[in-house]
Amino acid sequence: MPSLCRDCLHAFEEGDRCPECGRPRIISHPELFDLSIAHMDCDAFYASVEKRDDPTLRDKPVIIGGGRRGVVSTACYIARIRGVRSAMPMFQALKLCPDAVVVRGHMDRYVEASREIRALMDDLTPVVEPLSLDEAFMDLSGTARLHGAPPAVMLARLVRDMETALGLSGSIGLSHNKFLAKVASDLDKPRGFSVIGKSETVDFLRPKPVSLIWGVGQTTKAALEKAGIRTFEDLHRWEKEDLVARFGGMGERLWHLARGEDYRRVSNNAPVKSISNETTFGDDTSDVDILDGHIWRLAEHVADRAKAKDMAGRVIQLKAKQADHRILTKRTTLDSPTQIADRIYRTARALFDQLGDKGPYRLIGVGLSHLGPADGADTGGDLLDPQSGVRAEAERATDRIRARFGQDAIVKGRALR
């Protein structure tokens, strides 16, 4: 069986250890050197950047997030072993992991690290489709002649170079389409390399829960369970027409994915249509102060991503999920595009006020869409809000200070809620 040493990149027939370097980090699969669609997902990216930049944190549990009334943005694997999860209230995370080091995060560092990783991926193939700062699809079809090695070898080299040159680790999923490549990258984290071949696809998926499908959240999962669909094997019992009649366009997608079929191409020029961020609470809440703090942090995250992409948007959306999983949305179109957190927050907070007293809520989200280049955004002021220009300039000054002295150099009081 084709095998590859992930340390020295030596290819050989199957064995427990590499015959070249003697190490045991081996990946073996019958189709290892025949597949070319990959998904790379960094391991606990934000926390890993913090540990790389501050070696004293290396062996400590690290949580990225706000104060005790904030929420966990992400956590390193040491903290995850203790039960800490993204979007968990900080007070709950600290109960599970009282010795954790809480870091507010440094978006400028994460953006720079992401750019460095992207440069390494671009060296492998011109067809890279980023999903976020820390993950991307790659299509390495036809690159074997260029590199003198099959895609699997080059992907192993990629994550090895990430560790040696950048001090960051990632996990690789390799398969014959995007859906399965993304599934594979989650199978063996951290520092994983997993393969799902064509011949094993149906048997691999058959016993798996349908929640494995990207985009199947709690609401869709509940609807599928109501129809008696919990696993891919359950999906196989349905005719395509019946799934479409029951679930609309989603039904056809489910029918194809149940068979491991995904015809989407990896695209390096797919336009970014929207930027959004949301958080799910450990406990449903109606506390307006807590919800206001979340709306501010979400607005900051959306603004940070818009600034990193040098984009601005005209439409702001608020999403809220009630305790019974009903989703409420409000949106408004601005007179001019924005990438400023203050403006996104104030608009989203006004949309939240329009919801009225419909809590408690289990999820809140903020989005920015109708995106375009940021040139000229947030420069004209607002006749109805004369201070908006002043606040926008203050935010840009804050960004410059944080870029120079770190994300904690200036912290708004509402971020501590």
Protein backbone atom coordinates (compact mmCIF):
# COMPACT_ATOMS: atom_id res chain seq x y z
CA MET A 1 0.00 0.00 0.00
CA PRO A 2 1.38 3.46 -0.85
CA SER A 3 2.79 5.15 2.25
CA LEU A 4 4.41 8.46 3.09
CA CYS A 5 6.55 9.60 5.97
CA ARG A 6 5.21 12.94 7.12
CA ASP A 7 8.54 13.91 8.66
CA CYS A 8 11.09 13.23 5.90
CA LEU A 9 8.58 12.96 3.00
CA HIS A 10 9.95 9.56 1.94
CA ALA A 11 7.47 7.49 -0.12
CA PHE A 12 7.51 3.71 0.33
CA GLU A 13 5.35 0.61 0.62
CA GLU A 14 3.31 0.15 3.78
CA GLY A 15 5.12 -0.16 7.10
CA ASP A 16 4.91 0.89 10.74
CA ARG A 17 7.99 3.12 10.51
CA CYS A 18 9.72 5.04 7.80
CA PRO A 19 12.61 2.98 6.36
CA GLU A 20 14.49 6.22 5.68
CA CYS A 21 14.33 8.10 9.01
CA GLY A 22 12.81 5.45 11.30
CA ARG A 23 9.98 7.69 12.53
CA PRO A 24 6.39 6.49 12.98
CA ARG A 25 4.42 9.45 11.54
CA ILE A 26 3.18 7.49 8.54
CA ILE A 27 0.13 7.97 6.34
CA SER A 28 -0.90 4.95 4.25
CA HIS A 29 -3.81 4.61 1.84
CA PRO A 30 -4.48 2.78 -1.46
CA GLU A 31 -5.35 6.08 -3.21
CA LEU A 32 -2.82 8.26 -1.37
CA PHE A 33 -1.01 9.39 -4.53
CA ASP A 34 -4.10 9.58 -6.77
CA LEU A 35 -6.15 12.28 -4.97
CA SER A 36 -5.77 16.03 -5.41
CA ILE A 37 -8.53 17.96 -3.57
CA ALA A 38 -7.43 19.08 -0.12
CA HIS A 39 -8.61 21.07 2.87
CA MET A 40 -6.07 22.54 5.29
CA ASP A 41 -7.29 23.64 8.70
CA CYS A 42 -4.93 25.27 11.19
CA ASP A 43 -4.93 23.81 14.69
CA ALA A 44 -6.44 26.16 17.32
CA PHE A 45 -5.13 28.99 15.17
CA TYR A 46 -5.54 32.06 17.39
CA ALA A 47 -4.26 30.24 20.48
CA SER A 48 -1.36 28.77 18.50
CA VAL A 49 -0.27 32.21 17.31
CA GLU A 50 -0.35 33.46 20.92
CA LYS A 51 1.75 30.52 22.11
CA ARG A 52 4.22 30.97 19.29
CA ASP A 53 4.66 34.66 20.09
CA ASP A 54 4.88 34.09 23.87
CA PRO A 55 6.84 30.89 24.64
CA THR A 56 5.87 31.10 28.34
CA LEU A 57 2.36 30.04 27.27
CA ARG A 58 3.53 26.91 25.48
CA ASP A 59 2.50 24.31 28.10
CA LYS A 60 -0.38 26.28 29.59
CA PRO A 61 -4.11 26.19 28.80
CA VAL A 62 -4.84 29.32 26.77
CA ILE A 63 -8.27 30.84 26.11
CA ILE A 64 -8.85 33.66 23.64
CA GLY A 65 -11.74 35.87 24.73
CA GLY A 66 -13.01 38.71 26.87
CA GLY A 67 -13.43 39.21 30.61
CA ARG A 68 -15.39 36.98 32.99
CA ARG A 69 -18.69 38.07 31.43
CA GLY A 70 -17.41 37.58 27.90
CA VAL A 71 -17.30 34.40 25.85
CA VAL A 72 -14.59 32.08 24.56
CA SER A 73 -13.48 32.91 21.03
CA THR A 74 -11.25 29.84 20.81
CA ALA A 75 -9.06 27.75 23.08
CA CYS A 76 -5.91 25.68 22.77
CA TYR A 77 -6.10 21.89 22.92
CA ILE A 78 -4.98 21.76 26.55
CA ALA A 79 -8.02 23.83 27.50
CA ARG A 80 -10.27 21.83 25.17
CA ILE A 81 -9.31 18.63 26.96
CA ARG A 82 -10.72 20.25 30.12
CA GLY A 83 -14.03 20.84 28.32
CA VAL A 84 -13.59 24.45 27.15
CA ARG A 85 -15.36 25.18 23.86
CA SER A 86 -15.82 28.15 21.54
CA ALA A 87 -18.76 30.45 22.41
CA MET A 88 -18.81 29.14 25.99
CA PRO A 89 -19.37 31.85 28.63
CA MET A 90 -16.00 32.79 30.11
CA PHE A 91 -17.08 32.21 33.72
CA GLN A 92 -18.06 28.64 32.80
CA ALA A 93 -14.78 28.07 30.94
CA LEU A 94 -12.78 29.27 33.96
CA LYS A 95 -14.70 26.91 36.23
CA LEU A 96 -13.65 24.02 34.02
CA CYS A 97 -10.11 25.34 33.61
CA PRO A 98 -9.30 27.75 36.48
CA ASP A 99 -5.58 27.86 35.64
CA ALA A 100 -6.20 29.03 32.07
CA VAL A 101 -4.42 32.09 30.73
CA VAL A 102 -7.00 34.38 29.14
CA VAL A 103 -5.78 36.49 26.20
CA ARG A 104 -7.94 39.11 24.52
CA GLY A 105 -6.48 38.32 21.13
CA HIS A 106 -4.37 40.15 18.54
CA MET A 107 -6.19 40.18 15.21
CA ASP A 108 -3.31 41.95 13.47
CA ARG A 109 -1.01 39.01 14.29
CA TYR A 110 -3.59 36.47 13.11
CA VAL A 111 -4.05 38.29 9.80
CA GLU A 112 -0.27 38.42 9.23
CA ALA A 113 0.13 34.72 10.06
CA SER A 114 -2.72 33.91 7.70
CA ARG A 115 -1.00 35.80 4.89
CA GLU A 116 2.22 33.86 5.47
CA ILE A 117 0.36 30.54 5.35
CA ARG A 118 -1.45 31.62 2.19
CA ALA A 119 1.90 32.37 0.55
CA LEU A 120 3.02 28.79 1.25
CA MET A 121 -0.21 27.43 -0.26
CA ASP A 122 0.16 29.64 -3.33
CA ASP A 123 3.57 28.04 -3.91
CA LEU A 124 1.81 24.68 -4.26
CA THR A 125 -1.08 25.61 -6.53
CA PRO A 126 -2.74 28.69 -8.02
CA VAL A 127 -6.14 27.25 -7.06
CA VAL A 128 -6.56 28.13 -3.37
CA GLU A 129 -10.00 28.93 -1.96
CA PRO A 130 -9.75 30.43 1.53
CA LEU A 131 -12.71 29.95 3.86
CA SER A 132 -11.37 32.06 6.71
CA LEU A 133 -8.05 33.18 8.15
CA ASP A 134 -7.16 29.65 9.21
CA GLU A 135 -8.55 27.26 6.59
CA ALA A 136 -8.67 26.82 2.84
CA PHE A 137 -9.41 24.38 0.05
CA MET A 138 -6.72 23.57 -2.52
CA ASP A 139 -6.93 21.85 -5.89
CA LEU A 140 -3.55 20.31 -6.76
CA SER A 141 -4.70 18.59 -9.96
CA GLY A 142 -1.93 18.62 -12.53
CA THR A 143 0.76 19.88 -10.13
CA ALA A 144 2.71 16.61 -9.89
CA ARG A 145 4.69 17.40 -13.04
CA LEU A 146 5.47 20.90 -11.75
CA HIS A 147 6.71 19.76 -8.34
CA GLY A 148 8.02 16.33 -9.29
CA ALA A 149 5.87 14.81 -6.54
CA PRO A 150 2.19 13.89 -6.07
CA PRO A 151 -0.14 16.23 -4.13
CA ALA A 152 0.04 14.16 -0.94
CA VAL A 153 3.79 14.74 -0.68
CA MET A 154 3.44 18.47 -1.28
CA LEU A 155 0.67 18.77 1.32
CA ALA A 156 2.83 17.00 3.89
CA ARG A 157 5.62 19.42 3.00
CA LEU A 158 3.22 22.35 3.44
CA VAL A 159 2.32 21.54 7.05
CA ARG A 160 5.94 20.65 7.80
CA ASP A 161 7.05 24.06 6.47
CA MET A 162 4.29 25.76 8.46
CA GLU A 163 5.76 24.28 11.63
CA THR A 164 9.42 24.90 10.87
CA ALA A 165 9.12 28.35 9.26
CA LEU A 166 6.06 29.82 10.99
CA GLY A 167 5.77 27.84 14.22
CA LEU A 168 2.15 26.89 13.47
CA SER A 169 0.53 23.53 12.84
CA GLY A 170 -2.31 22.43 10.60
CA SER A 171 -4.30 19.35 9.66
CA ILE A 172 -4.82 18.06 6.12
CA GLY A 173 -7.84 16.36 4.59
CA LEU A 174 -7.26 14.78 1.16
CA SER A 175 -10.02 13.36 -1.01
CA HIS A 176 -11.73 13.57 -4.42
CA ASN A 177 -14.08 16.51 -3.65
CA LYS A 178 -14.47 19.49 -1.32
CA PHE A 179 -17.09 17.97 0.98
CA LEU A 180 -14.99 14.91 1.78
CA ALA A 181 -11.72 16.85 2.01
CA LYS A 182 -13.23 19.05 4.72
CA VAL A 183 -14.64 16.04 6.54
CA ALA A 184 -11.22 14.36 6.40
CA SER A 185 -9.37 17.34 7.87
CA ASP A 186 -11.41 17.00 11.09
CA LEU A 187 -10.73 13.29 11.57
CA ASP A 188 -7.29 13.49 13.16
CA LYS A 189 -6.67 16.92 14.71
CA PRO A 190 -4.25 18.32 15.69
CA ARG A 191 -1.36 17.76 13.26
CA GLY A 192 -3.45 15.27 11.32
CA PHE A 193 -3.40 13.98 7.77
CA SER A 194 -6.45 11.95 6.75
CA VAL A 195 -7.52 10.49 3.40
CA ILE A 196 -10.95 9.48 2.12
CA GLY A 197 -10.68 7.62 -1.19
CA LYS A 198 -13.29 7.20 -3.92
CA SER A 199 -13.69 3.45 -3.42
CA GLU A 200 -14.43 3.75 0.29
CA THR A 201 -16.65 6.85 0.22
CA VAL A 202 -20.09 5.26 0.58
CA ASP A 203 -19.01 2.76 3.24
CA PHE A 204 -17.18 5.48 5.15
CA LEU A 205 -20.21 7.80 5.21
CA ARG A 206 -22.95 5.20 5.79
CA PRO A 207 -22.83 5.06 9.64
CA LYS A 208 -21.90 8.73 10.15
CA PRO A 209 -24.40 11.26 11.55
CA VAL A 210 -25.86 13.77 9.08
CA SER A 211 -24.53 16.56 11.32
CA LEU A 212 -21.21 15.81 9.61
CA ILE A 213 -22.52 17.83 6.67
CA TRP A 214 -21.20 21.38 6.72
CA GLY A 215 -24.15 23.70 7.25
CA VAL A 216 -26.44 21.23 9.01
CA GLY A 217 -27.08 23.04 12.29
CA GLN A 218 -29.46 22.26 15.12
CA THR A 219 -32.59 23.39 13.25
CA THR A 220 -31.87 21.32 10.12
CA LYS A 221 -30.76 18.39 12.24
CA ALA A 222 -34.05 18.50 14.16
CA ALA A 223 -36.03 18.61 10.90
CA LEU A 224 -34.10 15.62 9.56
CA GLU A 225 -34.58 13.66 12.78
CA LYS A 226 -38.31 14.37 12.59
CA ALA A 227 -38.22 12.63 9.21
CA GLY A 228 -36.30 9.70 10.72
CA ILE A 229 -32.97 10.75 9.21
CA ARG A 230 -30.06 10.58 11.62
CA THR A 231 -27.30 8.97 9.59
CA PHE A 232 -26.17 8.87 5.97
CA GLU A 233 -27.56 5.34 5.82
CA ASP A 234 -31.00 6.77 6.62
CA LEU A 235 -30.59 9.23 3.74
CA HIS A 236 -29.84 6.36 1.37
CA ARG A 237 -33.34 4.99 1.93
CA TRP A 238 -34.94 8.11 0.45
CA GLU A 239 -35.55 8.74 -3.22
CA LYS A 240 -34.24 12.04 -4.51
CA GLU A 241 -37.74 13.24 -5.43
CA ASP A 242 -39.03 12.57 -1.91
CA LEU A 243 -36.13 14.46 -0.31
CA VAL A 244 -36.72 17.43 -2.60
CA ALA A 245 -40.45 17.38 -1.84
CA ARG A 246 -39.73 17.35 1.90
CA PHE A 247 -36.70 19.68 2.11
CA GLY A 248 -36.67 21.66 -1.13
CA GLY A 249 -33.30 22.45 -2.71
CA MET A 250 -31.55 21.16 0.41
CA GLY A 251 -33.07 17.74 -0.29
CA GLU A 252 -31.23 17.34 -3.60
CA ARG A 253 -27.96 18.39 -1.98
CA LEU A 254 -28.50 15.83 0.80
CA TRP A 255 -29.15 13.08 -1.75
CA HIS A 256 -25.86 13.76 -3.53
CA LEU A 257 -23.79 14.20 -0.35
CA ALA A 258 -25.16 10.94 1.06
CA ARG A 259 -23.36 9.28 -1.84
CA GLY A 260 -20.23 11.38 -1.41
CA GLU A 261 -20.99 13.44 -4.51
CA ASP A 262 -19.95 17.10 -4.51
CA TYR A 263 -19.46 18.80 -7.87
CA ARG A 264 -18.39 22.20 -6.58
CA ARG A 265 -15.01 23.27 -7.91
CA VAL A 266 -12.28 24.81 -5.79
CA SER A 267 -12.31 28.45 -6.86
CA ASN A 268 -9.58 31.00 -6.25
CA ASN A 269 -11.67 33.93 -7.42
CA ALA A 270 -15.02 33.35 -5.75
CA PRO A 271 -16.24 36.78 -4.62
CA VAL A 272 -16.79 37.31 -0.91
CA LYS A 273 -20.52 38.01 -0.63
CA SER A 274 -20.76 38.63 3.09
CA ILE A 275 -18.85 38.69 6.35
CA SER A 276 -20.57 37.50 9.50
CA ASN A 277 -19.89 36.30 12.99
CA GLU A 278 -22.15 34.67 15.53
CA THR A 279 -21.99 33.12 18.96
CA THR A 280 -24.07 30.45 20.67
CA PHE A 281 -24.57 30.80 24.42
CA GLY A 282 -24.07 28.02 26.90
CA ASP A 283 -27.27 29.17 28.61
CA ASP A 284 -30.13 31.09 26.98
CA THR A 285 -30.19 34.72 28.07
CA SER A 286 -32.44 37.79 27.99
CA ASP A 287 -29.92 40.01 29.79
CA VAL A 288 -29.70 43.12 27.61
CA ASP A 289 -26.28 44.12 28.97
CA ILE A 290 -24.81 40.73 28.16
CA LEU A 291 -26.42 40.71 24.70
CA ASP A 292 -25.17 44.25 24.05
CA GLY A 293 -21.63 43.17 24.88
CA HIS A 294 -21.92 40.27 22.45
CA ILE A 295 -23.23 42.54 19.69
CA TRP A 296 -20.23 44.83 20.16
CA ARG A 297 -17.71 41.97 20.06
CA LEU A 298 -19.38 40.47 16.98
CA ALA A 299 -19.32 43.88 15.28
CA GLU A 300 -15.61 44.17 16.08
CA HIS A 301 -14.91 40.74 14.60
CA VAL A 302 -16.86 41.57 11.44
CA ALA A 303 -15.08 44.92 11.14
CA ASP A 304 -11.66 43.31 11.68
CA ARG A 305 -12.31 40.83 8.87
CA ALA A 306 -13.63 43.57 6.57
CA LYS A 307 -10.53 45.67 7.24
CA ALA A 308 -8.25 42.66 6.69
CA LYS A 309 -9.89 42.11 3.28
CA ASP A 310 -9.96 45.86 2.56
CA MET A 311 -13.71 45.67 1.97
CA ALA A 312 -16.78 47.59 3.12
CA GLY A 313 -20.49 46.74 3.03
CA ARG A 314 -23.81 48.53 2.74
CA VAL A 315 -26.15 46.01 4.40
CA ILE A 316 -26.03 45.12 8.09
CA GLN A 317 -27.95 42.14 9.43
CA LEU A 318 -28.77 40.96 12.94
CA LYS A 319 -29.62 37.32 13.57
CA ALA A 320 -31.10 36.01 16.82
CA LYS A 321 -32.14 32.46 17.62
CA GLN A 322 -34.78 32.02 20.31
CA ALA A 323 -34.83 29.26 22.93
CA ASP A 324 -37.20 27.22 20.71
CA HIS A 325 -34.69 27.51 17.80
CA ARG A 326 -36.81 29.98 15.85
CA ILE A 327 -34.56 32.40 13.99
CA LEU A 328 -35.32 36.11 13.88
CA THR A 329 -33.50 38.38 11.42
CA LYS A 330 -33.44 42.11 10.85
CA ARG A 331 -31.47 43.96 8.20
CA THR A 332 -31.02 47.48 6.98
CA THR A 333 -29.25 49.17 4.07
CA LEU A 334 -26.89 52.04 4.83
CA ASP A 335 -26.59 55.20 2.74
CA SER A 336 -22.88 54.46 2.26
CA PRO A 337 -20.65 51.41 2.80
CA THR A 338 -18.80 50.86 6.07
CA GLN A 339 -16.10 48.74 7.66
CA ILE A 340 -16.14 50.60 10.99
CA ALA A 341 -17.01 48.52 14.07
CA ASP A 342 -18.73 51.47 15.79
CA ARG A 343 -21.15 51.96 12.89
CA ILE A 344 -21.79 48.24 12.50
CA TYR A 345 -22.45 47.94 16.24
CA ARG A 346 -24.80 50.92 16.45
CA THR A 347 -26.80 49.71 13.47
CA ALA A 348 -26.95 46.12 14.74
CA ARG A 349 -27.95 47.30 18.21
CA ALA A 350 -30.80 49.36 16.70
CA LEU A 351 -31.93 46.24 14.82
CA PHE A 352 -31.82 44.27 18.06
CA ASP A 353 -34.03 46.86 19.75
CA GLN A 354 -36.57 46.35 16.96
CA LEU A 355 -36.95 42.71 17.98
CA GLY A 356 -38.71 43.76 21.17
CA ASP A 357 -38.94 41.48 24.19
CA LYS A 358 -38.72 38.11 22.43
CA GLY A 359 -35.95 36.46 24.45
CA PRO A 360 -34.41 34.46 25.89
CA TYR A 361 -31.94 33.91 23.08
CA ARG A 362 -29.53 31.04 22.48
CA LEU A 363 -27.58 32.65 19.61
CA ILE A 364 -26.83 36.13 18.31
CA GLY A 365 -25.09 37.08 15.08
CA VAL A 366 -24.03 40.17 13.13
CA GLY A 367 -23.37 40.30 9.39
CA LEU A 368 -22.14 42.73 6.75
CA SER A 369 -23.03 42.19 3.08
CA HIS A 370 -23.26 43.91 -0.34
CA LEU A 371 -19.49 44.15 -0.12
CA GLY A 372 -17.13 46.15 -2.29
CA PRO A 373 -13.71 47.82 -2.16
CA ALA A 374 -13.19 49.94 0.94
CA ASP A 375 -11.90 52.95 -1.02
CA GLY A 376 -13.76 56.03 0.20
CA ALA A 377 -15.78 54.17 2.83
CA ASP A 378 -16.60 55.95 6.11
CA THR A 379 -15.28 59.32 4.96
CA GLY A 380 -18.43 61.33 4.24
CA GLY A 381 -19.93 61.58 7.71
CA ASP A 382 -23.63 61.30 8.55
CA LEU A 383 -26.01 64.26 8.69
CA LEU A 384 -28.17 62.43 11.24
CA ASP A 385 -25.15 61.55 13.38
CA PRO A 386 -22.58 64.37 13.23
CA GLN A 387 -20.19 62.52 15.57
CA SER A 388 -19.93 59.43 13.36
CA GLY A 389 -16.93 60.78 11.49
CA VAL A 390 -15.16 61.60 14.74
CA ARG A 391 -15.77 58.08 16.06
CA ALA A 392 -14.61 56.54 12.77
CA GLU A 393 -11.32 58.46 12.91
CA ALA A 394 -10.91 57.51 16.56
CA GLU A 395 -11.39 53.86 15.61
CA ARG A 396 -8.75 54.10 12.88
CA ALA A 397 -6.38 55.71 15.38
CA THR A 398 -7.13 52.83 17.76
CA ASP A 399 -6.35 50.33 14.98
CA ARG A 400 -2.98 52.01 14.39
CA ILE A 401 -2.12 51.93 18.10
CA ARG A 402 -3.11 48.27 18.39
CA ALA A 403 -1.08 47.39 15.31
CA ARG A 404 1.96 48.91 16.98
CA PHE A 405 1.48 48.00 20.65
CA GLY A 406 -0.88 45.03 20.59
CA GLN A 407 -4.61 44.37 20.75
CA ASP A 408 -4.77 45.05 24.50
CA ALA A 409 -3.35 48.58 24.16
CA ILE A 410 -6.89 49.99 23.99
CA VAL A 411 -10.03 48.13 25.14
CA LYS A 412 -13.54 49.58 25.06
CA GLY A 413 -15.58 49.27 28.24
CA ARG A 414 -18.50 47.58 26.46
CA ALA A 415 -16.11 44.82 25.34
CA LEU A 416 -15.88 43.72 28.98
CA ARG A 417 -19.60 42.98 29.31
